[in-house]
Amino acid sequence: MGDEDGTMQNLVKQETLKWVFVGGKGGVGKTTCSSILSILLASTRNSVLIISTDPAHNLSDSFQQRFTKIPTLVNGFTNLYAMEVDPTVENDDMGRYEGMDSLFSDIAGAIPGIDEAMSFAEMLK
């Protein structure tokens, strides 16, 4: 298959790759895989940012360092940053929806991928 092989080495070598999303059911190793991938990418890229939407904040456990919604340099690296974003929609962030907070939260919580979308929006701030 050549350059189209689905290998980690090929993924890391992709110079045009800007985003990698790691998803799956709970307990399948998303945090472990994304942490390792971020380390590998940091060995070939100028700058790498890993973002977790896991409310359990397992990314902090993986790197044995506390992360918040602010990109923080990972200890031992000069170009790897990490963020842990709370995927819940907070009332302060939805001021223009006053009176509809509960309805909006219920609807938003039912949309597949909303956690990731909210995290992406937080990162773009």
PDB file of N, CA and C in Angstrom:
ATOM      1  N   MET A   1       0.791  -1.199   0.000  1.00  0.00           N
ATOM      2  CA  MET A   1       0.000   0.000   0.000  1.00  0.00           C
ATOM      3  C   MET A   1       0.837   1.269   0.000  1.00  0.00           C
ATOM      4  N   GLY A   2       2.116   1.167   0.270  1.00  0.00           N
ATOM      5  CA  GLY A   2       2.988   2.322   0.192  1.00  0.00           C
ATOM      6  C   GLY A   2       2.676   3.390   1.216  1.00  0.00           C
ATOM      7  N   ASP A   3       2.565   4.644   0.730  1.00  0.00           N
ATOM      8  CA  ASP A   3       2.364   5.791   1.615  1.00  0.00           C
ATOM      9  C   ASP A   3       0.992   5.831   2.273  1.00  0.00           C
ATOM     10  N   GLU A   4       0.061   5.000   1.810  1.00  0.00           N
ATOM     11  CA  GLU A   4      -1.279   5.014   2.384  1.00  0.00           C
ATOM     12  C   GLU A   4      -1.443   4.040   3.542  1.00  0.00           C
ATOM     13  N   ASP A   5      -0.364   3.381   3.951  1.00  0.00           N
ATOM     14  CA  ASP A   5      -0.454   2.428   5.056  1.00  0.00           C
ATOM     15  C   ASP A   5      -0.970   3.120   6.311  1.00  0.00           C
ATOM     16  N   GLY A   6      -1.856   2.430   7.023  1.00  0.00           N
ATOM     17  CA  GLY A   6      -2.412   2.973   8.251  1.00  0.00           C
ATOM     18  C   GLY A   6      -1.522   2.688   9.441  1.00  0.00           C
ATOM     19  N   THR A   7      -0.300   3.167   9.397  1.00  0.00           N
ATOM     20  CA  THR A   7       0.633   2.929  10.490  1.00  0.00           C
ATOM     21  C   THR A   7       0.860   4.210  11.277  1.00  0.00           C
ATOM     22  N   MET A   8       1.315   4.067  12.487  1.00  0.00           N
ATOM     23  CA  MET A   8       1.631   5.223  13.319  1.00  0.00           C
ATOM     24  C   MET A   8       2.761   6.029  12.679  1.00  0.00           C
ATOM     25  N   GLN A   9       3.747   5.340  12.130  1.00  0.00           N
ATOM     26  CA  GLN A   9       4.867   6.028  11.484  1.00  0.00           C
ATOM     27  C   GLN A   9       4.370   6.887  10.322  1.00  0.00           C
ATOM     28  N   ASN A  10       3.465   6.364   9.521  1.00  0.00           N
ATOM     29  CA  ASN A  10       2.931   7.128   8.400  1.00  0.00           C
ATOM     30  C   ASN A  10       2.115   8.318   8.890  1.00  0.00           C
ATOM     31  N   LEU A  11       1.358   8.128   9.943  1.00  0.00           N
ATOM     32  CA  LEU A  11       0.567   9.214  10.510  1.00  0.00           C
ATOM     33  C   LEU A  11       1.466  10.350  10.993  1.00  0.00           C
ATOM     34  N   VAL A  12       2.527  10.005  11.686  1.00  0.00           N
ATOM     35  CA  VAL A  12       3.447  11.001  12.234  1.00  0.00           C
ATOM     36  C   VAL A  12       4.179  11.735  11.115  1.00  0.00           C
ATOM     37  N   LYS A  13       4.458  11.059  10.007  1.00  0.00           N
ATOM     38  CA  LYS A  13       5.192  11.658   8.890  1.00  0.00           C
ATOM     39  C   LYS A  13       4.349  12.603   8.038  1.00  0.00           C
ATOM     40  N   GLN A  14       3.038  12.578   8.174  1.00  0.00           N
ATOM     41  CA  GLN A  14       2.159  13.408   7.342  1.00  0.00           C
ATOM     42  C   GLN A  14       2.394  14.887   7.636  1.00  0.00           C
ATOM     43  N   GLU A  15       3.034  15.599   6.717  1.00  0.00           N
ATOM     44  CA  GLU A  15       3.360  17.009   6.940  1.00  0.00           C
ATOM     45  C   GLU A  15       2.147  17.921   6.829  1.00  0.00           C
ATOM     46  N   THR A  16       1.124  17.514   6.098  1.00  0.00           N
ATOM     47  CA  THR A  16      -0.058  18.366   5.920  1.00  0.00           C
ATOM     48  C   THR A  16      -1.101  18.148   7.008  1.00  0.00           C
ATOM     49  N   LEU A  17      -0.903  17.154   7.845  1.00  0.00           N
ATOM     50  CA  LEU A  17      -1.849  16.832   8.907  1.00  0.00           C
ATOM     51  C   LEU A  17      -1.857  17.931   9.963  1.00  0.00           C
ATOM     52  N   LYS A  18      -3.040  18.483  10.235  1.00  0.00           N
ATOM     53  CA  LYS A  18      -3.154  19.541  11.239  1.00  0.00           C
ATOM     54  C   LYS A  18      -3.935  19.104  12.463  1.00  0.00           C
ATOM     55  N   TRP A  19      -4.888  18.191  12.301  1.00  0.00           N
ATOM     56  CA  TRP A  19      -5.764  17.765  13.388  1.00  0.00           C
ATOM     57  C   TRP A  19      -5.845  16.244  13.413  1.00  0.00           C
ATOM     58  N   VAL A  20      -5.835  15.681  14.613  1.00  0.00           N
ATOM     59  CA  VAL A  20      -6.084  14.256  14.814  1.00  0.00           C
ATOM     60  C   VAL A  20      -7.105  14.154  15.935  1.00  0.00           C
ATOM     61  N   PHE A  21      -8.219  13.495  15.659  1.00  0.00           N
ATOM     62  CA  PHE A  21      -9.240  13.286  16.682  1.00  0.00           C
ATOM     63  C   PHE A  21      -9.227  11.817  17.066  1.00  0.00           C
ATOM     64  N   VAL A  22      -9.138  11.547  18.357  1.00  0.00           N
ATOM     65  CA  VAL A  22      -9.135  10.180  18.873  1.00  0.00           C
ATOM     66  C   VAL A  22     -10.448   9.989  19.624  1.00  0.00           C
ATOM     67  N   GLY A  23     -11.237   9.023  19.190  1.00  0.00           N
ATOM     68  CA  GLY A  23     -12.536   8.804  19.817  1.00  0.00           C
ATOM     69  C   GLY A  23     -12.815   7.332  20.026  1.00  0.00           C
ATOM     70  N   GLY A  24     -13.836   7.053  20.775  1.00  0.00           N
ATOM     71  CA  GLY A  24     -14.235   5.674  21.039  1.00  0.00           C
ATOM     72  C   GLY A  24     -14.978   5.587  22.356  1.00  0.00           C
ATOM     73  N   LYS A  25     -15.433   4.392  22.646  1.00  0.00           N
ATOM     74  CA  LYS A  25     -16.168   4.158  23.896  1.00  0.00           C
ATOM     75  C   LYS A  25     -15.226   4.279  25.089  1.00  0.00           C
ATOM     76  N   GLY A  26     -15.826   4.391  26.261  1.00  0.00           N
ATOM     77  CA  GLY A  26     -15.045   4.500  27.489  1.00  0.00           C
ATOM     78  C   GLY A  26     -14.203   3.271  27.753  1.00  0.00           C
ATOM     79  N   GLY A  27     -12.985   3.495  28.197  1.00  0.00           N
ATOM     80  CA  GLY A  27     -12.123   2.394  28.597  1.00  0.00           C
ATOM     81  C   GLY A  27     -11.353   1.707  27.487  1.00  0.00           C
ATOM     82  N   VAL A  28     -11.368   2.275  26.271  1.00  0.00           N
ATOM     83  CA  VAL A  28     -10.671   1.615  25.160  1.00  0.00           C
ATOM     84  C   VAL A  28      -9.239   2.111  24.966  1.00  0.00           C
ATOM     85  N   GLY A  29      -8.829   3.129  25.716  1.00  0.00           N
ATOM     86  CA  GLY A  29      -7.444   3.602  25.634  1.00  0.00           C
ATOM     87  C   GLY A  29      -7.251   4.884  24.834  1.00  0.00           C
ATOM     88  N   LYS A  30      -8.282   5.710  24.746  1.00  0.00           N
ATOM     89  CA  LYS A  30      -8.179   6.968  23.988  1.00  0.00           C
ATOM     90  C   LYS A  30      -7.098   7.882  24.563  1.00  0.00           C
ATOM     91  N   THR A  31      -7.082   8.048  25.860  1.00  0.00           N
ATOM     92  CA  THR A  31      -6.104   8.945  26.493  1.00  0.00           C
ATOM     93  C   THR A  31      -4.693   8.403  26.308  1.00  0.00           C
ATOM     94  N   THR A  32      -4.509   7.116  26.487  1.00  0.00           N
ATOM     95  CA  THR A  32      -3.195   6.507  26.312  1.00  0.00           C
ATOM     96  C   THR A  32      -2.705   6.672  24.887  1.00  0.00           C
ATOM     97  N   CYS A  33      -3.563   6.344  23.925  1.00  0.00           N
ATOM     98  CA  CYS A  33      -3.178   6.449  22.511  1.00  0.00           C
ATOM     99  C   CYS A  33      -2.895   7.896  22.109  1.00  0.00           C
ATOM    100  N   SER A  34      -3.752   8.819  22.531  1.00  0.00           N
ATOM    101  CA  SER A  34      -3.541  10.212  22.141  1.00  0.00           C
ATOM    102  C   SER A  34      -2.306  10.803  22.833  1.00  0.00           C
ATOM    103  N   SER A  35      -2.024  10.378  24.046  1.00  0.00           N
ATOM    104  CA  SER A  35      -0.824  10.856  24.735  1.00  0.00           C
ATOM    105  C   SER A  35       0.433  10.394  24.010  1.00  0.00           C
ATOM    106  N   ILE A  36       0.462   9.133  23.656  1.00  0.00           N
ATOM    107  CA  ILE A  36       1.619   8.597  22.931  1.00  0.00           C
ATOM    108  C   ILE A  36       1.751   9.265  21.569  1.00  0.00           C
ATOM    109  N   LEU A  37       0.624   9.434  20.882  1.00  0.00           N
ATOM    110  CA  LEU A  37       0.643  10.084  19.577  1.00  0.00           C
ATOM    111  C   LEU A  37       1.172  11.510  19.692  1.00  0.00           C
ATOM    112  N   SER A  38       0.757  12.232  20.723  1.00  0.00           N
ATOM    113  CA  SER A  38       1.232  13.615  20.884  1.00  0.00           C
ATOM    114  C   SER A  38       2.743  13.653  21.116  1.00  0.00           C
ATOM    115  N   ILE A  39       3.271  12.688  21.855  1.00  0.00           N
ATOM    116  CA  ILE A  39       4.718  12.617  22.090  1.00  0.00           C
ATOM    117  C   ILE A  39       5.453  12.333  20.782  1.00  0.00           C
ATOM    118  N   LEU A  40       4.919  11.394  20.001  1.00  0.00           N
ATOM    119  CA  LEU A  40       5.540  11.081  18.707  1.00  0.00           C
ATOM    120  C   LEU A  40       5.496  12.284  17.767  1.00  0.00           C
ATOM    121  N   LEU A  41       4.359  12.971  17.725  1.00  0.00           N
ATOM    122  CA  LEU A  41       4.238  14.154  16.868  1.00  0.00           C
ATOM    123  C   LEU A  41       5.180  15.264  17.328  1.00  0.00           C
ATOM    124  N   ALA A  42       5.355  15.401  18.627  1.00  0.00           N
ATOM    125  CA  ALA A  42       6.258  16.427  19.156  1.00  0.00           C
ATOM    126  C   ALA A  42       7.704  16.179  18.738  1.00  0.00           C
ATOM    127  N   SER A  43       8.034  14.935  18.411  1.00  0.00           N
ATOM    128  CA  SER A  43       9.406  14.635  17.977  1.00  0.00           C
ATOM    129  C   SER A  43       9.651  15.052  16.526  1.00  0.00           C
ATOM    130  N   THR A  44       8.563  15.381  15.796  1.00  0.00           N
ATOM    131  CA  THR A  44       8.725  15.755  14.382  1.00  0.00           C
ATOM    132  C   THR A  44       8.099  17.106  14.038  1.00  0.00           C
ATOM    133  N   ARG A  45       7.387  17.726  14.962  1.00  0.00           N
ATOM    134  CA  ARG A  45       6.687  18.988  14.703  1.00  0.00           C
ATOM    135  C   ARG A  45       7.257  20.112  15.553  1.00  0.00           C
ATOM    136  N   ASN A  46       7.023  21.344  15.093  1.00  0.00           N
ATOM    137  CA  ASN A  46       7.462  22.511  15.870  1.00  0.00           C
ATOM    138  C   ASN A  46       6.647  22.677  17.142  1.00  0.00           C
ATOM    139  N   SER A  47       5.352  22.379  17.048  1.00  0.00           N
ATOM    140  CA  SER A  47       4.473  22.563  18.193  1.00  0.00           C
ATOM    141  C   SER A  47       3.293  21.602  18.103  1.00  0.00           C
ATOM    142  N   VAL A  48       2.932  21.005  19.237  1.00  0.00           N
ATOM    143  CA  VAL A  48       1.826  20.053  19.311  1.00  0.00           C
ATOM    144  C   VAL A  48       0.967  20.422  20.515  1.00  0.00           C
ATOM    145  N   LEU A  49      -0.356  20.379  20.308  1.00  0.00           N
ATOM    146  CA  LEU A  49      -1.303  20.626  21.397  1.00  0.00           C
ATOM    147  C   LEU A  49      -2.225  19.427  21.498  1.00  0.00           C
ATOM    148  N   ILE A  50      -2.294  18.818  22.673  1.00  0.00           N
ATOM    149  CA  ILE A  50      -3.220  17.721  22.931  1.00  0.00           C
ATOM    150  C   ILE A  50      -4.326  18.271  23.831  1.00  0.00           C
ATOM    151  N   ILE A  51      -5.571  17.992  23.435  1.00  0.00           N
ATOM    152  CA  ILE A  51      -6.731  18.481  24.182  1.00  0.00           C
ATOM    153  C   ILE A  51      -7.567  17.296  24.613  1.00  0.00           C
ATOM    154  N   SER A  52      -7.944  17.270  25.875  1.00  0.00           N
ATOM    155  CA  SER A  52      -8.814  16.223  26.384  1.00  0.00           C
ATOM    156  C   SER A  52     -10.144  16.816  26.811  1.00  0.00           C
ATOM    157  N   THR A  53     -11.223  16.107  26.481  1.00  0.00           N
ATOM    158  CA  THR A  53     -12.559  16.509  26.924  1.00  0.00           C
ATOM    159  C   THR A  53     -13.080  15.572  28.006  1.00  0.00           C
ATOM    160  N   ASP A  54     -12.232  14.719  28.510  1.00  0.00           N
ATOM    161  CA  ASP A  54     -12.625  13.750  29.524  1.00  0.00           C
ATOM    162  C   ASP A  54     -12.825  14.454  30.867  1.00  0.00           C
ATOM    163  N   PRO A  55     -14.043  14.418  31.417  1.00  0.00           N
ATOM    164  CA  PRO A  55     -14.283  15.078  32.707  1.00  0.00           C
ATOM    165  C   PRO A  55     -13.443  14.499  33.842  1.00  0.00           C
ATOM    166  N   ALA A  56     -12.929  13.284  33.673  1.00  0.00           N
ATOM    167  CA  ALA A  56     -12.111  12.658  34.714  1.00  0.00           C
ATOM    168  C   ALA A  56     -10.682  13.199  34.727  1.00  0.00           C
ATOM    169  N   HIS A  57     -10.335  14.004  33.749  1.00  0.00           N
ATOM    170  CA  HIS A  57      -9.002  14.608  33.654  1.00  0.00           C
ATOM    171  C   HIS A  57      -7.874  13.580  33.705  1.00  0.00           C
ATOM    172  N   ASN A  58      -8.011  12.533  32.917  1.00  0.00           N
ATOM    173  CA  ASN A  58      -6.993  11.489  32.870  1.00  0.00           C
ATOM    174  C   ASN A  58      -5.721  11.923  32.161  1.00  0.00           C
ATOM    175  N   LEU A  59      -5.795  12.975  31.353  1.00  0.00           N
ATOM    176  CA  LEU A  59      -4.597  13.471  30.684  1.00  0.00           C
ATOM    177  C   LEU A  59      -3.582  13.956  31.717  1.00  0.00           C
ATOM    178  N   SER A  60      -4.067  14.625  32.744  1.00  0.00           N
ATOM    179  CA  SER A  60      -3.184  15.058  33.833  1.00  0.00           C
ATOM    180  C   SER A  60      -2.527  13.859  34.501  1.00  0.00           C
ATOM    181  N   ASP A  61      -3.291  12.774  34.657  1.00  0.00           N
ATOM    182  CA  ASP A  61      -2.737  11.554  35.239  1.00  0.00           C
ATOM    183  C   ASP A  61      -1.667  10.956  34.325  1.00  0.00           C
ATOM    184  N   SER A  62      -1.918  10.959  33.028  1.00  0.00           N
ATOM    185  CA  SER A  62      -0.980  10.368  32.071  1.00  0.00           C
ATOM    186  C   SER A  62       0.376  11.061  32.106  1.00  0.00           C
ATOM    187  N   PHE A  63       0.366  12.375  32.193  1.00  0.00           N
ATOM    188  CA  PHE A  63       1.621  13.131  32.189  1.00  0.00           C
ATOM    189  C   PHE A  63       2.072  13.526  33.591  1.00  0.00           C
ATOM    190  N   GLN A  64       1.330  13.113  34.608  1.00  0.00           N
ATOM    191  CA  GLN A  64       1.634  13.427  36.009  1.00  0.00           C
ATOM    192  C   GLN A  64       1.874  14.922  36.195  1.00  0.00           C
ATOM    193  N   GLN A  65       0.927  15.687  35.628  1.00  0.00           N
ATOM    194  CA  GLN A  65       1.013  17.138  35.663  1.00  0.00           C
ATOM    195  C   GLN A  65      -0.401  17.692  35.542  1.00  0.00           C
ATOM    196  N   ARG A  66      -0.712  18.746  36.245  1.00  0.00           N
ATOM    197  CA  ARG A  66      -2.061  19.335  36.222  1.00  0.00           C
ATOM    198  C   ARG A  66      -2.238  20.209  34.990  1.00  0.00           C
ATOM    199  N   PHE A  67      -3.328  19.955  34.238  1.00  0.00           N
ATOM    200  CA  PHE A  67      -3.661  20.771  33.078  1.00  0.00           C
ATOM    201  C   PHE A  67      -5.035  21.404  33.277  1.00  0.00           C
ATOM    202  N   THR A  68      -5.242  22.547  32.646  1.00  0.00           N
ATOM    203  CA  THR A  68      -6.513  23.258  32.709  1.00  0.00           C
ATOM    204  C   THR A  68      -6.946  23.584  31.281  1.00  0.00           C
ATOM    205  N   LYS A  69      -7.888  24.518  31.135  1.00  0.00           N
ATOM    206  CA  LYS A  69      -8.342  24.897  29.804  1.00  0.00           C
ATOM    207  C   LYS A  69      -7.370  25.849  29.116  1.00  0.00           C
ATOM    208  N   ILE A  70      -6.279  26.163  29.790  1.00  0.00           N
ATOM    209  CA  ILE A  70      -5.219  26.994  29.207  1.00  0.00           C
ATOM    210  C   ILE A  70      -4.095  26.076  28.734  1.00  0.00           C
ATOM    211  N   PRO A  71      -3.653  26.207  27.470  1.00  0.00           N
ATOM    212  CA  PRO A  71      -2.546  25.355  27.002  1.00  0.00           C
ATOM    213  C   PRO A  71      -1.327  25.507  27.913  1.00  0.00           C
ATOM    214  N   THR A  72      -0.834  24.371  28.380  1.00  0.00           N
ATOM    215  CA  THR A  72       0.284  24.338  29.322  1.00  0.00           C
ATOM    216  C   THR A  72       1.390  23.465  28.764  1.00  0.00           C
ATOM    217  N   LEU A  73       2.632  23.950  28.835  1.00  0.00           N
ATOM    218  CA  LEU A  73       3.770  23.169  28.360  1.00  0.00           C
ATOM    219  C   LEU A  73       3.916  21.912  29.210  1.00  0.00           C
ATOM    220  N   VAL A  74       4.030  20.775  28.556  1.00  0.00           N
ATOM    221  CA  VAL A  74       4.187  19.496  29.256  1.00  0.00           C
ATOM    222  C   VAL A  74       5.624  19.398  29.765  1.00  0.00           C
ATOM    223  N   ASN A  75       5.775  19.031  31.031  1.00  0.00           N
ATOM    224  CA  ASN A  75       7.103  18.892  31.620  1.00  0.00           C
ATOM    225  C   ASN A  75       7.972  17.965  30.776  1.00  0.00           C
ATOM    226  N   GLY A  76       9.217  18.386  30.541  1.00  0.00           N
ATOM    227  CA  GLY A  76      10.162  17.575  29.783  1.00  0.00           C
ATOM    228  C   GLY A  76      10.128  17.838  28.282  1.00  0.00           C
ATOM    229  N   PHE A  77       9.257  18.742  27.836  1.00  0.00           N
ATOM    230  CA  PHE A  77       9.128  19.062  26.409  1.00  0.00           C
ATOM    231  C   PHE A  77       9.272  20.570  26.201  1.00  0.00           C
ATOM    232  N   THR A  78       9.677  20.934  25.001  1.00  0.00           N
ATOM    233  CA  THR A  78       9.764  22.348  24.644  1.00  0.00           C
ATOM    234  C   THR A  78       8.688  22.727  23.632  1.00  0.00           C
ATOM    235  N   ASN A  79       7.953  21.736  23.131  1.00  0.00           N
ATOM    236  CA  ASN A  79       6.988  22.002  22.063  1.00  0.00           C
ATOM    237  C   ASN A  79       5.684  21.210  22.194  1.00  0.00           C
ATOM    238  N   LEU A  80       5.452  20.578  23.318  1.00  0.00           N
ATOM    239  CA  LEU A  80       4.223  19.806  23.539  1.00  0.00           C
ATOM    240  C   LEU A  80       3.413  20.483  24.642  1.00  0.00           C
ATOM    241  N   TYR A  81       2.184  20.863  24.270  1.00  0.00           N
ATOM    242  CA  TYR A  81       1.279  21.538  25.189  1.00  0.00           C
ATOM    243  C   TYR A  81       0.043  20.673  25.401  1.00  0.00           C
ATOM    244  N   ALA A  82      -0.591  20.834  26.549  1.00  0.00           N
ATOM    245  CA  ALA A  82      -1.786  20.051  26.858  1.00  0.00           C
ATOM    246  C   ALA A  82      -2.854  20.944  27.478  1.00  0.00           C
ATOM    247  N   MET A  83      -4.116  20.559  27.216  1.00  0.00           N
ATOM    248  CA  MET A  83      -5.284  21.246  27.782  1.00  0.00           C
ATOM    249  C   MET A  83      -6.292  20.200  28.205  1.00  0.00           C
ATOM    250  N   GLU A  84      -6.984  20.459  29.300  1.00  0.00           N
ATOM    251  CA  GLU A  84      -8.133  19.644  29.684  1.00  0.00           C
ATOM    252  C   GLU A  84      -9.327  20.579  29.775  1.00  0.00           C
ATOM    253  N   VAL A  85     -10.274  20.373  28.876  1.00  0.00           N
ATOM    254  CA  VAL A  85     -11.426  21.240  28.767  1.00  0.00           C
ATOM    255  C   VAL A  85     -12.637  20.520  29.327  1.00  0.00           C
ATOM    256  N   ASP A  86     -13.373  21.209  30.191  1.00  0.00           N
ATOM    257  CA  ASP A  86     -14.608  20.642  30.716  1.00  0.00           C
ATOM    258  C   ASP A  86     -15.659  20.736  29.623  1.00  0.00           C
ATOM    259  N   PRO A  87     -16.153  19.607  29.140  1.00  0.00           N
ATOM    260  CA  PRO A  87     -17.074  19.633  28.010  1.00  0.00           C
ATOM    261  C   PRO A  87     -18.478  20.103  28.342  1.00  0.00           C
ATOM    262  N   THR A  88     -18.793  20.304  29.610  1.00  0.00           N
ATOM    263  CA  THR A  88     -20.151  20.742  29.948  1.00  0.00           C
ATOM    264  C   THR A  88     -20.313  22.196  29.569  1.00  0.00           C
ATOM    265  N   VAL A  89     -21.458  22.531  29.062  1.00  0.00           N
ATOM    266  CA  VAL A  89     -21.760  23.907  28.689  1.00  0.00           C
ATOM    267  C   VAL A  89     -22.132  24.662  29.951  1.00  0.00           C
ATOM    268  N   GLU A  90     -21.376  25.714  30.257  1.00  0.00           N
ATOM    269  CA  GLU A  90     -21.623  26.464  31.477  1.00  0.00           C
ATOM    270  C   GLU A  90     -22.564  27.623  31.195  1.00  0.00           C
ATOM    271  N   ASN A  91     -23.377  27.969  32.153  1.00  0.00           N
ATOM    272  CA  ASN A  91     -24.357  29.049  31.995  1.00  0.00           C
ATOM    273  C   ASN A  91     -23.695  30.372  31.629  1.00  0.00           C
ATOM    274  N   ASP A  92     -22.500  30.648  32.161  1.00  0.00           N
ATOM    275  CA  ASP A  92     -21.815  31.902  31.854  1.00  0.00           C
ATOM    276  C   ASP A  92     -21.497  32.007  30.369  1.00  0.00           C
ATOM    277  N   ASP A  93     -21.250  30.890  29.729  1.00  0.00           N
ATOM    278  CA  ASP A  93     -20.897  30.881  28.320  1.00  0.00           C
ATOM    279  C   ASP A  93     -22.116  31.022  27.427  1.00  0.00           C
ATOM    280  N   MET A  94     -23.323  30.964  27.986  1.00  0.00           N
ATOM    281  CA  MET A  94     -24.537  30.992  27.187  1.00  0.00           C
ATOM    282  C   MET A  94     -25.460  32.135  27.609  1.00  0.00           C
ATOM    283  N   GLY A  95     -24.877  33.270  28.006  1.00  0.00           N
ATOM    284  CA  GLY A  95     -25.673  34.368  28.509  1.00  0.00           C
ATOM    285  C   GLY A  95     -26.785  34.807  27.575  1.00  0.00           C
ATOM    286  N   ARG A  96     -26.578  34.696  26.283  1.00  0.00           N
ATOM    287  CA  ARG A  96     -27.594  35.155  25.342  1.00  0.00           C
ATOM    288  C   ARG A  96     -28.801  34.234  25.293  1.00  0.00           C
ATOM    289  N   TYR A  97     -28.770  33.108  25.997  1.00  0.00           N
ATOM    290  CA  TYR A  97     -29.872  32.151  25.997  1.00  0.00           C
ATOM    291  C   TYR A  97     -30.622  32.156  27.323  1.00  0.00           C
ATOM    292  N   GLU A  98     -30.599  33.281  28.016  1.00  0.00           N
ATOM    293  CA  GLU A  98     -31.241  33.352  29.325  1.00  0.00           C
ATOM    294  C   GLU A  98     -32.672  32.839  29.252  1.00  0.00           C
ATOM    295  N   GLY A  99     -33.045  32.060  30.243  1.00  0.00           N
ATOM    296  CA  GLY A  99     -34.386  31.499  30.280  1.00  0.00           C
ATOM    297  C   GLY A  99     -34.508  30.213  29.506  1.00  0.00           C
ATOM    298  N   MET A 100     -33.495  29.892  28.711  1.00  0.00           N
ATOM    299  CA  MET A 100     -33.537  28.670  27.908  1.00  0.00           C
ATOM    300  C   MET A 100     -32.370  27.759  28.247  1.00  0.00           C
ATOM    301  N   ASP A 101     -31.652  28.088  29.343  1.00  0.00           N
ATOM    302  CA  ASP A 101     -30.471  27.319  29.714  1.00  0.00           C
ATOM    303  C   ASP A 101     -30.748  25.827  29.799  1.00  0.00           C
ATOM    304  N   SER A 102     -31.799  25.448  30.505  1.00  0.00           N
ATOM    305  CA  SER A 102     -32.119  24.042  30.704  1.00  0.00           C
ATOM    306  C   SER A 102     -32.463  23.364  29.383  1.00  0.00           C
ATOM    307  N   LEU A 103     -33.288  24.010  28.588  1.00  0.00           N
ATOM    308  CA  LEU A 103     -33.668  23.446  27.295  1.00  0.00           C
ATOM    309  C   LEU A 103     -32.463  23.316  26.390  1.00  0.00           C
ATOM    310  N   PHE A 104     -31.657  24.374  26.314  1.00  0.00           N
ATOM    311  CA  PHE A 104     -30.481  24.346  25.468  1.00  0.00           C
ATOM    312  C   PHE A 104     -29.505  23.259  25.911  1.00  0.00           C
ATOM    313  N   SER A 105     -29.280  23.155  27.223  1.00  0.00           N
ATOM    314  CA  SER A 105     -28.374  22.127  27.747  1.00  0.00           C
ATOM    315  C   SER A 105     -28.874  20.728  27.418  1.00  0.00           C
ATOM    316  N   ASP A 106     -30.190  20.519  27.554  1.00  0.00           N
ATOM    317  CA  ASP A 106     -30.753  19.208  27.228  1.00  0.00           C
ATOM    318  C   ASP A 106     -30.563  18.875  25.754  1.00  0.00           C
ATOM    319  N   ILE A 107     -30.842  19.843  24.898  1.00  0.00           N
ATOM    320  CA  ILE A 107     -30.693  19.615  23.453  1.00  0.00           C
ATOM    321  C   ILE A 107     -29.221  19.423  23.095  1.00  0.00           C
ATOM    322  N   ALA A 108     -28.375  20.303  23.612  1.00  0.00           N
ATOM    323  CA  ALA A 108     -26.950  20.216  23.289  1.00  0.00           C
ATOM    324  C   ALA A 108     -26.349  18.902  23.782  1.00  0.00           C
ATOM    325  N   GLY A 109     -26.788  18.439  24.943  1.00  0.00           N
ATOM    326  CA  GLY A 109     -26.258  17.191  25.485  1.00  0.00           C
ATOM    327  C   GLY A 109     -26.645  15.970  24.679  1.00  0.00           C
ATOM    328  N   ALA A 110     -27.681  16.087  23.871  1.00  0.00           N
ATOM    329  CA  ALA A 110     -28.135  14.956  23.062  1.00  0.00           C
ATOM    330  C   ALA A 110     -27.446  14.890  21.705  1.00  0.00           C
ATOM    331  N   ILE A 111     -26.659  15.892  21.360  1.00  0.00           N
ATOM    332  CA  ILE A 111     -25.999  15.926  20.052  1.00  0.00           C
ATOM    333  C   ILE A 111     -24.691  15.151  20.122  1.00  0.00           C
ATOM    334  N   PRO A 112     -24.537  14.107  19.272  1.00  0.00           N
ATOM    335  CA  PRO A 112     -23.274  13.360  19.269  1.00  0.00           C
ATOM    336  C   PRO A 112     -22.105  14.275  18.906  1.00  0.00           C
ATOM    337  N   GLY A 113     -21.032  14.171  19.664  1.00  0.00           N
ATOM    338  CA  GLY A 113     -19.832  14.950  19.395  1.00  0.00           C
ATOM    339  C   GLY A 113     -19.849  16.356  19.967  1.00  0.00           C
ATOM    340  N   ILE A 114     -20.896  16.705  20.735  1.00  0.00           N
ATOM    341  CA  ILE A 114     -20.986  18.062  21.273  1.00  0.00           C
ATOM    342  C   ILE A 114     -19.837  18.354  22.235  1.00  0.00           C
ATOM    343  N   ASP A 115     -19.389  17.361  22.994  1.00  0.00           N
ATOM    344  CA  ASP A 115     -18.268  17.572  23.918  1.00  0.00           C
ATOM    345  C   ASP A 115     -17.028  18.026  23.156  1.00  0.00           C
ATOM    346  N   GLU A 116     -16.741  17.335  22.060  1.00  0.00           N
ATOM    347  CA  GLU A 116     -15.574  17.663  21.261  1.00  0.00           C
ATOM    348  C   GLU A 116     -15.730  19.036  20.606  1.00  0.00           C
ATOM    349  N   ALA A 117     -16.937  19.331  20.123  1.00  0.00           N
ATOM    350  CA  ALA A 117     -17.181  20.626  19.491  1.00  0.00           C
ATOM    351  C   ALA A 117     -17.006  21.767  20.491  1.00  0.00           C
ATOM    352  N   MET A 118     -17.506  21.595  21.706  1.00  0.00           N
ATOM    353  CA  MET A 118     -17.360  22.628  22.723  1.00  0.00           C
ATOM    354  C   MET A 118     -15.885  22.808  23.099  1.00  0.00           C
ATOM    355  N   SER A 119     -15.147  21.725  23.136  1.00  0.00           N
ATOM    356  CA  SER A 119     -13.724  21.806  23.444  1.00  0.00           C
ATOM    357  C   SER A 119     -12.978  22.525  22.335  1.00  0.00           C
ATOM    358  N   PHE A 120     -13.364  22.225  21.092  1.00  0.00           N
ATOM    359  CA  PHE A 120     -12.753  22.886  19.950  1.00  0.00           C
ATOM    360  C   PHE A 120     -13.027  24.390  20.017  1.00  0.00           C
ATOM    361  N   ALA A 121     -14.241  24.761  20.333  1.00  0.00           N
ATOM    362  CA  ALA A 121     -14.609  26.167  20.456  1.00  0.00           C
ATOM    363  C   ALA A 121     -13.814  26.834  21.576  1.00  0.00           C
ATOM    364  N   GLU A 122     -13.632  26.133  22.678  1.00  0.00           N
ATOM    365  CA  GLU A 122     -12.856  26.660  23.810  1.00  0.00           C
ATOM    366  C   GLU A 122     -11.413  26.905  23.383  1.00  0.00           C
ATOM    367  N   MET A 123     -10.852  25.979  22.602  1.00  0.00           N
ATOM    368  CA  MET A 123      -9.477  26.102  22.162  1.00  0.00           C
ATOM    369  C   MET A 123      -9.319  27.302  21.228  1.00  0.00           C
ATOM    370  N   LEU A 124     -10.337  27.589  20.402  1.00  0.00           N
ATOM    371  CA  LEU A 124     -10.249  28.697  19.464  1.00  0.00           C
ATOM    372  C   LEU A 124     -10.361  30.060  20.133  1.00  0.00           C
ATOM    373  N   LYS A 125     -10.840  30.098  21.385  1.00  0.00           N
ATOM    374  CA  LYS A 125     -10.977  31.388  22.089  1.00  0.00           C
ATOM    375  C   LYS A 125      -9.658  32.060  22.195  1.00  0.00           C
TER     376      LYS A 125
END
